[in-house]
C-alpha cells in the first residue's frame, strides 16, 4: 500500500504544480515568458497542449 500512496502523492503534487503553471501562463505578458512556462509544463506533462482560443 505504501507504493500506491507514493504514486498518489506524486500525482496530486503534479496536478497542483500544473494548475499553478497554467495560471502563470494565462497571465504571461510576453512571448519569452510564455515559452519558459511552456517548457516547464512540457517537462511535467509532455503531451499537454494549450487549448485553442475561441
PDB file of N, CA and C in Angstrom:
ATOM      1  N   UNK A   1       0.817  -1.202   0.000  1.00  0.00           N
ATOM      2  CA  UNK A   1       0.000   0.000   0.000  1.00  0.00           C
ATOM      3  C   UNK A   1       0.863   1.271   0.000  1.00  0.00           C
ATOM      4  N   UNK A   2       2.095   1.155   0.478  1.00  0.00           N
ATOM      5  CA  UNK A   2       2.990   2.310   0.523  1.00  0.00           C
ATOM      6  C   UNK A   2       3.285   2.827  -0.879  1.00  0.00           C
ATOM      7  N   UNK A   3       3.521   1.915  -1.815  1.00  0.00           N
ATOM      8  CA  UNK A   3       3.830   2.332  -3.185  1.00  0.00           C
ATOM      9  C   UNK A   3       2.667   3.111  -3.789  1.00  0.00           C
ATOM     10  N   UNK A   4       1.464   2.650  -3.521  1.00  0.00           N
ATOM     11  CA  UNK A   4       0.266   3.324  -4.049  1.00  0.00           C
ATOM     12  C   UNK A   4       0.153   4.731  -3.481  1.00  0.00           C
ATOM     13  N   UNK A   5       0.420   4.872  -2.193  1.00  0.00           N
ATOM     14  CA  UNK A   5       0.353   6.189  -1.551  1.00  0.00           C
ATOM     15  C   UNK A   5       1.389   7.127  -2.168  1.00  0.00           C
ATOM     16  N   UNK A   6       2.577   6.615  -2.439  1.00  0.00           N
ATOM     17  CA  UNK A   6       3.624   7.428  -3.063  1.00  0.00           C
ATOM     18  C   UNK A   6       3.180   7.873  -4.449  1.00  0.00           C
ATOM     19  N   UNK A   7       2.594   6.959  -5.209  1.00  0.00           N
ATOM     20  CA  UNK A   7       2.073   7.293  -6.544  1.00  0.00           C
ATOM     21  C   UNK A   7       1.022   8.385  -6.472  1.00  0.00           C
ATOM     22  N   UNK A   8       0.087   8.220  -5.542  1.00  0.00           N
ATOM     23  CA  UNK A   8      -0.994   9.201  -5.421  1.00  0.00           C
ATOM     24  C   UNK A   8      -0.459  10.569  -5.018  1.00  0.00           C
ATOM     25  N   UNK A   9       0.447  10.600  -4.057  1.00  0.00           N
ATOM     26  CA  UNK A   9       1.026  11.878  -3.640  1.00  0.00           C
ATOM     27  C   UNK A   9       1.745  12.562  -4.793  1.00  0.00           C
ATOM     28  N   UNK A  10       2.461  11.778  -5.590  1.00  0.00           N
ATOM     29  CA  UNK A  10       3.167  12.326  -6.743  1.00  0.00           C
ATOM     30  C   UNK A  10       2.160  12.916  -7.738  1.00  0.00           C
ATOM     31  N   UNK A  11       1.069  12.220  -7.949  1.00  0.00           N
ATOM     32  CA  UNK A  11       0.042  12.688  -8.880  1.00  0.00           C
ATOM     33  C   UNK A  11      -0.609  13.974  -8.391  1.00  0.00           C
ATOM     34  N   UNK A  12      -0.911  14.040  -7.089  1.00  0.00           N
ATOM     35  CA  UNK A  12      -1.536  15.250  -6.530  1.00  0.00           C
ATOM     36  C   UNK A  12      -0.597  16.445  -6.645  1.00  0.00           C
ATOM     37  N   UNK A  13       0.680  16.220  -6.369  1.00  0.00           N
ATOM     38  CA  UNK A  13       1.668  17.294  -6.465  1.00  0.00           C
ATOM     39  C   UNK A  13       1.772  17.797  -7.900  1.00  0.00           C
ATOM     40  N   UNK A  14       1.791  16.867  -8.857  1.00  0.00           N
ATOM     41  CA  UNK A  14       1.886  17.241 -10.268  1.00  0.00           C
ATOM     42  C   UNK A  14       0.661  18.057 -10.678  1.00  0.00           C
ATOM     43  N   UNK A  15      -0.515  17.660 -10.199  1.00  0.00           N
ATOM     44  CA  UNK A  15      -1.756  18.361 -10.516  1.00  0.00           C
ATOM     45  C   UNK A  15      -1.730  19.800  -9.994  1.00  0.00           C
ATOM     46  N   UNK A  16      -1.247  19.977  -8.746  1.00  0.00           N
ATOM     47  CA  UNK A  16      -1.146  21.316  -8.161  1.00  0.00           C
ATOM     48  C   UNK A  16      -0.161  22.176  -8.942  1.00  0.00           C
ATOM     49  N   UNK A  17       0.966  21.573  -9.287  1.00  0.00           N
ATOM     50  CA  UNK A  17       2.011  22.310  -9.997  1.00  0.00           C
ATOM     51  C   UNK A  17       1.528  22.745 -11.379  1.00  0.00           C
ATOM     52  N   UNK A  18       0.821  21.850 -12.079  1.00  0.00           N
ATOM     53  CA  UNK A  18       0.297  22.196 -13.400  1.00  0.00           C
ATOM     54  C   UNK A  18      -0.728  23.314 -13.308  1.00  0.00           C
ATOM     55  N   UNK A  19      -1.585  23.278 -12.300  1.00  0.00           N
ATOM     56  CA  UNK A  19      -2.588  24.329 -12.134  1.00  0.00           C
ATOM     57  C   UNK A  19      -1.906  25.678 -11.925  1.00  0.00           C
ATOM     58  N   UNK A  20      -0.853  25.678 -11.117  1.00  0.00           N
ATOM     59  CA  UNK A  20      -0.111  26.904 -10.860  1.00  0.00           C
ATOM     60  C   UNK A  20       0.548  27.427 -12.138  1.00  0.00           C
ATOM     61  N   UNK A  21       1.167  26.524 -12.895  1.00  0.00           N
ATOM     62  CA  UNK A  21       1.831  26.931 -14.133  1.00  0.00           C
ATOM     63  C   UNK A  21       0.829  27.411 -15.177  1.00  0.00           C
ATOM     64  N   UNK A  22      -0.341  26.782 -15.238  1.00  0.00           N
ATOM     65  CA  UNK A  22      -1.362  27.202 -16.206  1.00  0.00           C
ATOM     66  C   UNK A  22      -1.866  28.603 -15.887  1.00  0.00           C
ATOM     67  N   UNK A  23      -2.015  28.925 -14.600  1.00  0.00           N
ATOM     68  CA  UNK A  23      -2.455  30.272 -14.237  1.00  0.00           C
ATOM     69  C   UNK A  23      -1.367  31.295 -14.577  1.00  0.00           C
ATOM     70  N   UNK A  24      -0.103  30.908 -14.385  1.00  0.00           N
ATOM     71  CA  UNK A  24       1.000  31.798 -14.765  1.00  0.00           C
ATOM     72  C   UNK A  24       1.028  31.988 -16.276  1.00  0.00           C
ATOM     73  N   UNK A  25       0.734  30.927 -17.020  1.00  0.00           N
ATOM     74  CA  UNK A  25       0.715  31.004 -18.481  1.00  0.00           C
ATOM     75  C   UNK A  25      -0.372  31.974 -18.947  1.00  0.00           C
ATOM     76  N   UNK A  26      -1.521  31.930 -18.309  1.00  0.00           N
ATOM     77  CA  UNK A  26      -2.617  32.824 -18.682  1.00  0.00           C
ATOM     78  C   UNK A  26      -2.260  34.281 -18.402  1.00  0.00           C
ATOM     79  N   UNK A  27      -1.429  34.519 -17.390  1.00  0.00           N
ATOM     80  CA  UNK A  27      -1.058  35.878 -17.017  1.00  0.00           C
ATOM     81  C   UNK A  27       0.246  36.333 -17.670  1.00  0.00           C
ATOM     82  N   UNK A  28       0.872  35.487 -18.481  1.00  0.00           N
ATOM     83  CA  UNK A  28       2.163  35.818 -19.091  1.00  0.00           C
ATOM     84  C   UNK A  28       2.036  37.031 -19.996  1.00  0.00           C
ATOM     85  N   UNK A  29       3.032  37.917 -19.905  1.00  0.00           N
ATOM     86  CA  UNK A  29       2.973  39.169 -20.647  1.00  0.00           C
ATOM     87  C   UNK A  29       3.617  39.086 -22.028  1.00  0.00           C
ATOM     88  N   UNK A  30       4.759  38.421 -22.124  1.00  0.00           N
ATOM     89  CA  UNK A  30       5.447  38.389 -23.414  1.00  0.00           C
ATOM     90  C   UNK A  30       5.738  36.957 -23.853  1.00  0.00           C
ATOM     91  N   UNK A  31       6.185  36.819 -25.080  1.00  0.00           N
ATOM     92  CA  UNK A  31       6.433  35.507 -25.666  1.00  0.00           C
ATOM     93  C   UNK A  31       7.537  34.727 -24.975  1.00  0.00           C
ATOM     94  N   UNK A  32       8.572  35.426 -24.517  1.00  0.00           N
ATOM     95  CA  UNK A  32       9.691  34.761 -23.846  1.00  0.00           C
ATOM     96  C   UNK A  32       9.232  34.112 -22.540  1.00  0.00           C
ATOM     97  N   UNK A  33       8.422  34.853 -21.796  1.00  0.00           N
ATOM     98  CA  UNK A  33       7.890  34.336 -20.532  1.00  0.00           C
ATOM     99  C   UNK A  33       6.988  33.119 -20.790  1.00  0.00           C
ATOM    100  N   UNK A  34       6.178  33.208 -21.835  1.00  0.00           N
ATOM    101  CA  UNK A  34       5.287  32.099 -22.197  1.00  0.00           C
ATOM    102  C   UNK A  34       6.088  30.846 -22.540  1.00  0.00           C
ATOM    103  N   UNK A  35       7.170  31.032 -23.292  1.00  0.00           N
ATOM    104  CA  UNK A  35       7.991  29.891 -23.697  1.00  0.00           C
ATOM    105  C   UNK A  35       8.621  29.195 -22.497  1.00  0.00           C
ATOM    106  N   UNK A  36       9.098  29.981 -21.529  1.00  0.00           N
ATOM    107  CA  UNK A  36       9.684  29.395 -20.322  1.00  0.00           C
ATOM    108  C   UNK A  36       8.657  28.569 -19.553  1.00  0.00           C
ATOM    109  N   UNK A  37       7.464  29.106 -19.424  1.00  0.00           N
ATOM    110  CA  UNK A  37       6.399  28.407 -18.697  1.00  0.00           C
ATOM    111  C   UNK A  37       5.989  27.147 -19.456  1.00  0.00           C
ATOM    112  N   UNK A  38       5.877  27.245 -20.777  1.00  0.00           N
ATOM    113  CA  UNK A  38       5.518  26.076 -21.584  1.00  0.00           C
ATOM    114  C   UNK A  38       6.563  24.975 -21.477  1.00  0.00           C
ATOM    115  N   UNK A  39       7.847  25.342 -21.402  1.00  0.00           N
ATOM    116  CA  UNK A  39       8.899  24.346 -21.227  1.00  0.00           C
ATOM    117  C   UNK A  39       8.718  23.594 -19.918  1.00  0.00           C
ATOM    118  N   UNK A  40       8.384  24.340 -18.860  1.00  0.00           N
ATOM    119  CA  UNK A  40       8.179  23.712 -17.552  1.00  0.00           C
ATOM    120  C   UNK A  40       6.972  22.783 -17.582  1.00  0.00           C
ATOM    121  N   UNK A  41       5.902  23.225 -18.238  1.00  0.00           N
ATOM    122  CA  UNK A  41       4.693  22.392 -18.333  1.00  0.00           C
ATOM    123  C   UNK A  41       5.010  21.114 -19.096  1.00  0.00           C
ATOM    124  N   UNK A  42       5.741  21.219 -20.200  1.00  0.00           N
ATOM    125  CA  UNK A  42       6.053  20.039 -21.002  1.00  0.00           C
ATOM    126  C   UNK A  42       7.031  19.098 -20.297  1.00  0.00           C
ATOM    127  N   UNK A  43       7.826  19.633 -19.391  1.00  0.00           N
ATOM    128  CA  UNK A  43       8.720  18.766 -18.614  1.00  0.00           C
ATOM    129  C   UNK A  43       7.907  17.885 -17.669  1.00  0.00           C
ATOM    130  N   UNK A  44       6.791  18.420 -17.175  1.00  0.00           N
ATOM    131  CA  UNK A  44       5.922  17.678 -16.259  1.00  0.00           C
ATOM    132  C   UNK A  44       4.968  16.782 -17.030  1.00  0.00           C
ATOM    133  N   UNK A  45       4.375  17.343 -18.076  1.00  0.00           N
ATOM    134  CA  UNK A  45       3.355  16.635 -18.844  1.00  0.00           C
ATOM    135  C   UNK A  45       3.636  16.824 -20.341  1.00  0.00           C
ATOM    136  N   UNK A  46       4.415  15.930 -20.951  1.00  0.00           N
ATOM    137  CA  UNK A  46       4.875  16.119 -22.337  1.00  0.00           C
ATOM    138  C   UNK A  46       3.774  16.227 -23.390  1.00  0.00           C
ATOM    139  N   UNK A  47       2.627  15.632 -23.158  1.00  0.00           N
ATOM    140  CA  UNK A  47       1.586  15.617 -24.178  1.00  0.00           C
ATOM    141  C   UNK A  47       0.562  16.729 -24.017  1.00  0.00           C
ATOM    142  N   UNK A  48       0.745  17.601 -23.038  1.00  0.00           N
ATOM    143  CA  UNK A  48      -0.193  18.685 -22.807  1.00  0.00           C
ATOM    144  C   UNK A  48      -0.115  19.686 -23.937  1.00  0.00           C
ATOM    145  N   UNK A  49      -1.273  20.129 -24.411  1.00  0.00           N
ATOM    146  CA  UNK A  49      -1.342  21.152 -25.441  1.00  0.00           C
ATOM    147  C   UNK A  49      -2.211  22.281 -24.942  1.00  0.00           C
ATOM    148  N   UNK A  50      -1.843  23.488 -25.297  1.00  0.00           N
ATOM    149  CA  UNK A  50      -2.605  24.652 -24.886  1.00  0.00           C
ATOM    150  C   UNK A  50      -3.960  24.625 -25.608  1.00  0.00           C
ATOM    151  N   UNK A  51      -5.061  24.856 -24.876  1.00  0.00           N
ATOM    152  CA  UNK A  51      -6.379  24.848 -25.527  1.00  0.00           C
ATOM    153  C   UNK A  51      -6.493  25.972 -26.562  1.00  0.00           C
ATOM    154  N   UNK A  52      -7.224  25.702 -27.610  1.00  0.00           N
ATOM    155  CA  UNK A  52      -7.409  26.689 -28.676  1.00  0.00           C
ATOM    156  C   UNK A  52      -8.243  27.851 -28.171  1.00  0.00           C
ATOM    157  N   UNK A  53      -7.830  29.073 -28.521  1.00  0.00           N
ATOM    158  CA  UNK A  53      -8.576  30.268 -28.144  1.00  0.00           C
ATOM    159  C   UNK A  53      -9.792  30.406 -29.056  1.00  0.00           C
ATOM    160  N   UNK A  54     -10.925  30.723 -28.478  1.00  0.00           N
ATOM    161  CA  UNK A  54     -12.164  30.831 -29.266  1.00  0.00           C
ATOM    162  C   UNK A  54     -12.281  32.150 -29.994  1.00  0.00           C
TER     163      UNK A  54
END
